[in-house]
């Protein structure tokens, strides 16, 4: 009987822990941060990497607790060291460009690389950016293109824009207008305003696609409506060689356009770097 009772106690405890894990995630998603903190911190202290990650984010933003960057850094580091990809990506960002951790590009590169190898798209984008700009490392455009491609294939609109530009200008990859058009299209369709301007110009010049002034004007109008002043100038210049009917059609298409839903940040609970 004692053995049975002991087994029942273990069952209740283990079930309670599983329930708490589910509850703190649900509480965080519902923005009930005090409950999320109360349920998640014990799990973080027991070594749950996801709970450690969420706890770090809560300390970063002051969600349910007083904002504490030192605690945020401590818990994010714990989660990252356990191989939590989103934590590694966030930690890399904090070392790269944040007041939470001291600036250390070598550490940033280390954590971005670890997360990137696990397929974390934000880390892949930032790693590509470091190689592209020579930020903390010698510039390597081929390596930048490799990591931008991995992120772009997962739907990262900024990586898609960078990659499109690299194919357009032949930076780190062989110049290929069709590939440039393909990636700029994907980025523009998700709402990247500079990609929208670039795509408009490719339609205007017939690079990577058939020349189409209506679609060119449409994309330049969309970019202009999103605040791109360069697109305003490009659109107005294009209007000088278009018929009134073409301009009217382009305006109609621009008004009807809606961005495609972009992929969610792969960090399930945290903020995108």
Protein backbone atom coordinates (compact mmCIF):
# COMPACT_ATOMS: atom_id res chain seq x y z
CA UNK A 1 0.00 0.00 0.00
CA UNK A 2 2.87 2.35 0.85
CA UNK A 3 4.39 1.67 -2.56
CA UNK A 4 1.09 2.41 -4.29
CA UNK A 5 0.65 5.59 -2.30
CA UNK A 6 4.18 6.68 -3.24
CA UNK A 7 3.47 6.04 -6.93
CA UNK A 8 0.26 8.07 -6.68
CA UNK A 9 2.13 10.97 -5.08
CA UNK A 10 4.70 10.89 -7.89
CA UNK A 11 1.90 10.85 -10.44
CA UNK A 12 0.22 13.87 -8.88
CA UNK A 13 3.50 15.80 -8.68
CA UNK A 14 4.50 15.00 -12.26
CA UNK A 15 1.04 15.83 -13.53
CA UNK A 16 1.14 19.10 -11.63
CA UNK A 17 4.46 20.04 -13.21
CA UNK A 18 3.17 19.28 -16.68
CA UNK A 19 0.05 21.30 -16.00
CA UNK A 20 2.14 24.20 -14.71
CA UNK A 21 4.26 24.12 -17.86
CA UNK A 22 1.15 24.31 -20.01
CA UNK A 23 -0.38 26.96 -17.79
CA UNK A 24 2.56 29.36 -17.77
CA UNK A 25 2.81 29.22 -21.55
CA UNK A 26 -0.92 29.87 -21.87
CA UNK A 27 -0.72 32.65 -19.29
CA UNK A 28 2.13 34.34 -21.15
CA UNK A 29 0.30 34.16 -24.47
CA UNK A 30 -2.74 35.71 -22.79
CA UNK A 31 -0.45 38.42 -21.36
CA UNK A 32 -1.28 37.38 -17.82
CA UNK A 33 2.33 37.98 -16.87
CA UNK A 34 2.03 37.70 -13.09
CA UNK A 35 0.58 34.20 -13.38
CA UNK A 36 3.16 33.30 -16.02
CA UNK A 37 5.95 34.44 -13.71
CA UNK A 38 4.57 32.61 -10.69
CA UNK A 39 4.23 29.34 -12.61
CA UNK A 40 7.28 29.68 -14.86
CA UNK A 41 10.02 30.71 -12.44
CA UNK A 42 10.07 27.41 -10.48
CA UNK A 43 10.41 25.54 -13.78
CA UNK A 44 13.22 27.85 -14.87
CA UNK A 45 15.02 27.23 -11.60
CA UNK A 46 14.69 23.49 -12.19
CA UNK A 47 16.45 23.89 -15.55
CA UNK A 48 13.59 24.13 -18.05
CA UNK A 49 15.23 25.99 -20.97
CA UNK A 50 11.97 27.32 -22.42
CA UNK A 51 10.92 28.66 -19.03
CA UNK A 52 14.35 30.27 -18.63
CA UNK A 53 13.97 31.93 -22.00
CA UNK A 54 10.51 33.28 -21.24
CA UNK A 55 11.65 34.48 -17.83
CA UNK A 56 14.53 36.38 -19.47
CA UNK A 57 12.10 38.08 -21.85
CA UNK A 58 9.85 39.03 -18.93
CA UNK A 59 12.76 40.63 -17.10
CA UNK A 60 13.81 42.40 -20.29
CA UNK A 61 10.43 44.03 -20.83
CA UNK A 62 9.24 44.26 -17.23
CA UNK A 63 6.36 41.88 -17.83
CA UNK A 64 4.92 40.80 -14.50
CA UNK A 65 8.19 41.76 -12.76
CA UNK A 66 10.31 44.86 -12.37
CA UNK A 67 12.53 45.33 -15.41
CA UNK A 68 15.94 43.90 -14.59
CA UNK A 69 18.48 43.63 -17.39
CA UNK A 70 20.98 41.75 -15.25
CA UNK A 71 18.42 39.05 -14.52
CA UNK A 72 17.37 39.04 -18.17
CA UNK A 73 20.94 38.41 -19.23
CA UNK A 74 21.45 35.71 -16.61
CA UNK A 75 18.37 33.70 -17.59
CA UNK A 76 18.86 34.15 -21.33
CA UNK A 77 22.42 32.87 -20.97
CA UNK A 78 21.22 29.82 -19.02
CA UNK A 79 18.70 28.98 -21.75
CA UNK A 80 21.22 29.59 -24.53
CA UNK A 81 23.81 27.33 -22.92
CA UNK A 82 21.23 24.54 -22.93
CA UNK A 83 20.88 24.89 -26.69
CA UNK A 84 17.65 26.92 -26.84
CA UNK A 85 17.84 28.38 -30.36
CA UNK A 86 15.69 31.46 -29.77
CA UNK A 87 17.63 32.26 -26.60
CA UNK A 88 20.89 31.93 -28.51
CA UNK A 89 19.57 34.29 -31.18
CA UNK A 90 18.41 36.85 -28.63
CA UNK A 91 21.66 36.61 -26.69
CA UNK A 92 23.60 37.20 -29.89
CA UNK A 93 21.52 40.31 -30.54
CA UNK A 94 22.09 41.56 -27.02
CA UNK A 95 25.86 41.20 -27.42
CA UNK A 96 25.68 42.86 -30.82
CA UNK A 97 23.44 45.84 -30.23
CA UNK A 98 21.89 46.15 -26.80
CA UNK A 99 22.23 47.73 -23.40
CA UNK A 100 21.51 44.42 -21.72
CA UNK A 101 24.91 42.83 -22.36
CA UNK A 102 28.25 44.56 -22.98
CA UNK A 103 28.96 44.93 -26.69
CA UNK A 104 31.02 41.94 -27.78
CA UNK A 105 30.88 41.07 -31.48
CA UNK A 106 32.83 37.86 -30.94
CA UNK A 107 30.20 36.62 -28.49
CA UNK A 108 27.44 37.82 -30.80
CA UNK A 109 28.94 35.85 -33.69
CA UNK A 110 29.27 32.77 -31.50
CA UNK A 111 25.63 32.75 -30.42
CA UNK A 112 24.26 33.71 -33.84
CA UNK A 113 26.22 30.85 -35.36
CA UNK A 114 24.92 28.32 -32.83
CA UNK A 115 21.32 29.43 -33.35
CA UNK A 116 21.72 29.61 -37.13
CA UNK A 117 22.93 26.03 -37.30
CA UNK A 118 19.68 25.05 -35.56
CA UNK A 119 17.69 26.87 -38.25
CA UNK A 120 16.69 29.99 -36.27
CA UNK A 121 15.83 32.47 -39.03
CA UNK A 122 16.50 35.70 -37.12
CA UNK A 123 19.99 34.49 -36.20
CA UNK A 124 20.62 33.49 -39.81
CA UNK A 125 19.61 36.97 -40.94
CA UNK A 126 21.80 38.73 -38.36
CA UNK A 127 24.73 36.42 -39.08
CA UNK A 128 24.37 37.21 -42.76
CA UNK A 129 24.32 40.90 -41.87
CA UNK A 130 27.55 40.64 -39.89
CA UNK A 131 29.31 38.93 -42.80
CA UNK A 132 27.84 41.45 -45.26
CA UNK A 133 28.90 44.54 -43.30
CA UNK A 134 32.15 43.14 -41.93
CA UNK A 135 30.78 43.84 -38.46
CA UNK A 136 33.18 42.27 -35.97
CA UNK A 137 34.57 40.00 -38.67
CA UNK A 138 36.11 40.33 -42.13
CA UNK A 139 33.43 40.95 -44.73
CA UNK A 140 32.53 37.82 -46.68
CA UNK A 141 29.74 38.36 -49.20
CA UNK A 142 29.53 34.71 -50.22
CA UNK A 143 29.01 33.70 -46.58
CA UNK A 144 26.49 36.51 -46.18
CA UNK A 145 24.55 35.24 -49.19
CA UNK A 146 24.55 31.72 -47.76
CA UNK A 147 22.97 32.77 -44.46
CA UNK A 148 20.61 35.29 -46.06
CA UNK A 149 19.41 32.47 -48.31
CA UNK A 150 18.67 30.20 -45.37
CA UNK A 151 16.68 32.93 -43.63
CA UNK A 152 14.97 34.04 -46.85
CA UNK A 153 13.82 30.51 -47.57
CA UNK A 154 12.04 30.56 -44.22
CA UNK A 155 10.22 33.76 -45.19
CA UNK A 156 12.39 36.39 -43.49
CA UNK A 157 11.44 39.54 -45.44
CA UNK A 158 14.62 41.50 -44.60
CA UNK A 159 16.82 38.59 -45.67
CA UNK A 160 14.80 38.30 -48.87
CA UNK A 161 15.39 41.99 -49.61
CA UNK A 162 19.14 41.72 -48.98
CA UNK A 163 19.38 38.59 -51.10
CA UNK A 164 17.42 40.19 -53.92
CA UNK A 165 19.78 43.13 -53.91
CA UNK A 166 22.82 40.86 -53.94
CA UNK A 167 21.53 38.99 -56.99
CA UNK A 168 20.63 42.28 -58.67
CA UNK A 169 24.10 43.74 -58.19
CA UNK A 170 26.13 40.52 -58.32
CA UNK A 171 27.44 40.82 -54.76
CA UNK A 172 28.61 37.50 -53.31
CA UNK A 173 26.63 35.64 -55.95
CA UNK A 174 26.56 35.58 -59.74
CA UNK A 175 24.39 38.41 -61.02
CA UNK A 176 20.98 37.02 -61.83
CA UNK A 177 18.08 39.41 -62.45
CA UNK A 178 15.49 36.65 -62.37
CA UNK A 179 16.63 35.55 -58.91
CA UNK A 180 16.73 39.19 -57.84
CA UNK A 181 13.17 39.66 -59.06
CA UNK A 182 12.03 36.49 -57.29
CA UNK A 183 13.41 37.46 -53.89
CA UNK A 184 12.45 41.12 -54.10
CA UNK A 185 8.91 40.01 -55.01
CA UNK A 186 8.69 37.83 -51.92
CA UNK A 187 9.93 40.61 -49.68
CA UNK A 188 7.74 43.27 -51.29
CA UNK A 189 4.65 41.10 -51.01
CA UNK A 190 5.23 40.90 -47.25
CA UNK A 191 5.38 44.69 -46.97
CA UNK A 192 9.09 45.60 -47.16
CA UNK A 193 8.88 49.15 -48.53
CA UNK A 194 12.42 49.35 -49.99
CA UNK A 195 11.87 46.01 -51.72
CA UNK A 196 8.63 47.42 -53.09
CA UNK A 197 10.51 50.37 -54.59
CA UNK A 198 13.22 48.08 -55.99
CA UNK A 199 10.60 45.75 -57.46
CA UNK A 200 8.85 48.69 -59.09
CA UNK A 201 12.10 49.71 -60.77
CA UNK A 202 12.68 46.15 -62.02
CA UNK A 203 9.23 46.19 -63.65
CA UNK A 204 10.01 49.62 -65.09
CA UNK A 205 13.32 48.49 -66.61
CA UNK A 206 12.22 44.98 -67.52
CA UNK A 207 14.95 43.34 -65.45
CA UNK A 208 14.23 39.75 -64.42
CA UNK A 209 10.71 40.09 -65.79
CA UNK A 210 8.81 41.57 -68.71
CA UNK A 211 8.67 45.35 -68.69
CA UNK A 212 5.36 46.47 -67.21
CA UNK A 213 4.78 50.14 -66.42
CA UNK A 214 1.44 49.46 -64.74
CA UNK A 215 2.93 47.04 -62.22
CA UNK A 216 5.95 49.30 -61.81
CA UNK A 217 3.71 52.25 -60.94
CA UNK A 218 1.62 50.03 -58.66
CA UNK A 219 4.62 48.92 -56.57
CA UNK A 220 6.11 52.40 -56.46
CA UNK A 221 2.74 53.74 -55.27
CA UNK A 222 2.55 51.09 -52.55
CA UNK A 223 6.09 51.91 -51.40
CA UNK A 224 5.31 55.63 -51.47
CA UNK A 225 2.17 55.09 -49.37
CA UNK A 226 4.35 53.30 -46.81
CA UNK A 227 6.64 56.31 -46.49
CA UNK A 228 9.39 55.75 -49.06
CA UNK A 229 10.16 59.24 -50.43
CA UNK A 230 12.45 57.82 -53.12
CA UNK A 231 9.51 55.79 -54.43
CA UNK A 232 7.47 58.99 -54.72
CA UNK A 233 10.09 60.50 -57.01
CA UNK A 234 10.44 57.30 -59.05
CA UNK A 235 6.66 56.99 -59.43
CA UNK A 236 6.21 60.60 -60.54
CA UNK A 237 8.98 60.28 -63.13
CA UNK A 238 7.42 57.07 -64.44
CA UNK A 239 4.04 58.76 -64.80
CA UNK A 240 5.52 61.04 -67.48
CA UNK A 241 5.85 58.10 -69.89
CA UNK A 242 2.54 56.41 -69.07
CA UNK A 243 -0.93 56.96 -70.47
CA UNK A 244 -3.70 58.23 -68.14
CA UNK A 245 -5.41 54.85 -68.49
CA UNK A 246 -2.26 53.03 -67.36
CA UNK A 247 -1.87 55.31 -64.34
CA UNK A 248 -5.52 54.81 -63.40
CA UNK A 249 -5.17 51.03 -63.63
CA UNK A 250 -1.99 51.07 -61.55
CA UNK A 251 -3.65 53.20 -58.87
CA UNK A 252 -6.58 50.78 -58.77
CA UNK A 253 -4.26 47.80 -58.32
CA UNK A 254 -2.30 49.59 -55.60
CA UNK A 255 -5.48 50.44 -53.72
CA UNK A 256 -6.63 46.81 -53.84
CA UNK A 257 -3.26 45.34 -52.82
CA UNK A 258 -2.88 43.71 -49.42
CA UNK A 259 0.36 42.34 -47.97
CA UNK A 260 0.77 38.64 -47.57
CA UNK A 261 0.90 37.49 -43.99
CA UNK A 262 4.54 37.22 -43.02
CA UNK A 263 5.93 34.31 -41.08
CA UNK A 264 5.81 34.74 -37.34
CA UNK A 265 9.03 35.25 -35.49
CA UNK A 266 10.27 31.77 -34.64
CA UNK A 267 10.88 32.85 -31.06
CA UNK A 268 7.53 31.62 -29.77
CA UNK A 269 7.09 33.93 -26.82
CA UNK A 270 9.77 36.56 -27.03
CA UNK A 271 10.20 39.75 -28.93
CA UNK A 272 11.80 39.71 -32.34
CA UNK A 273 15.34 41.09 -32.18
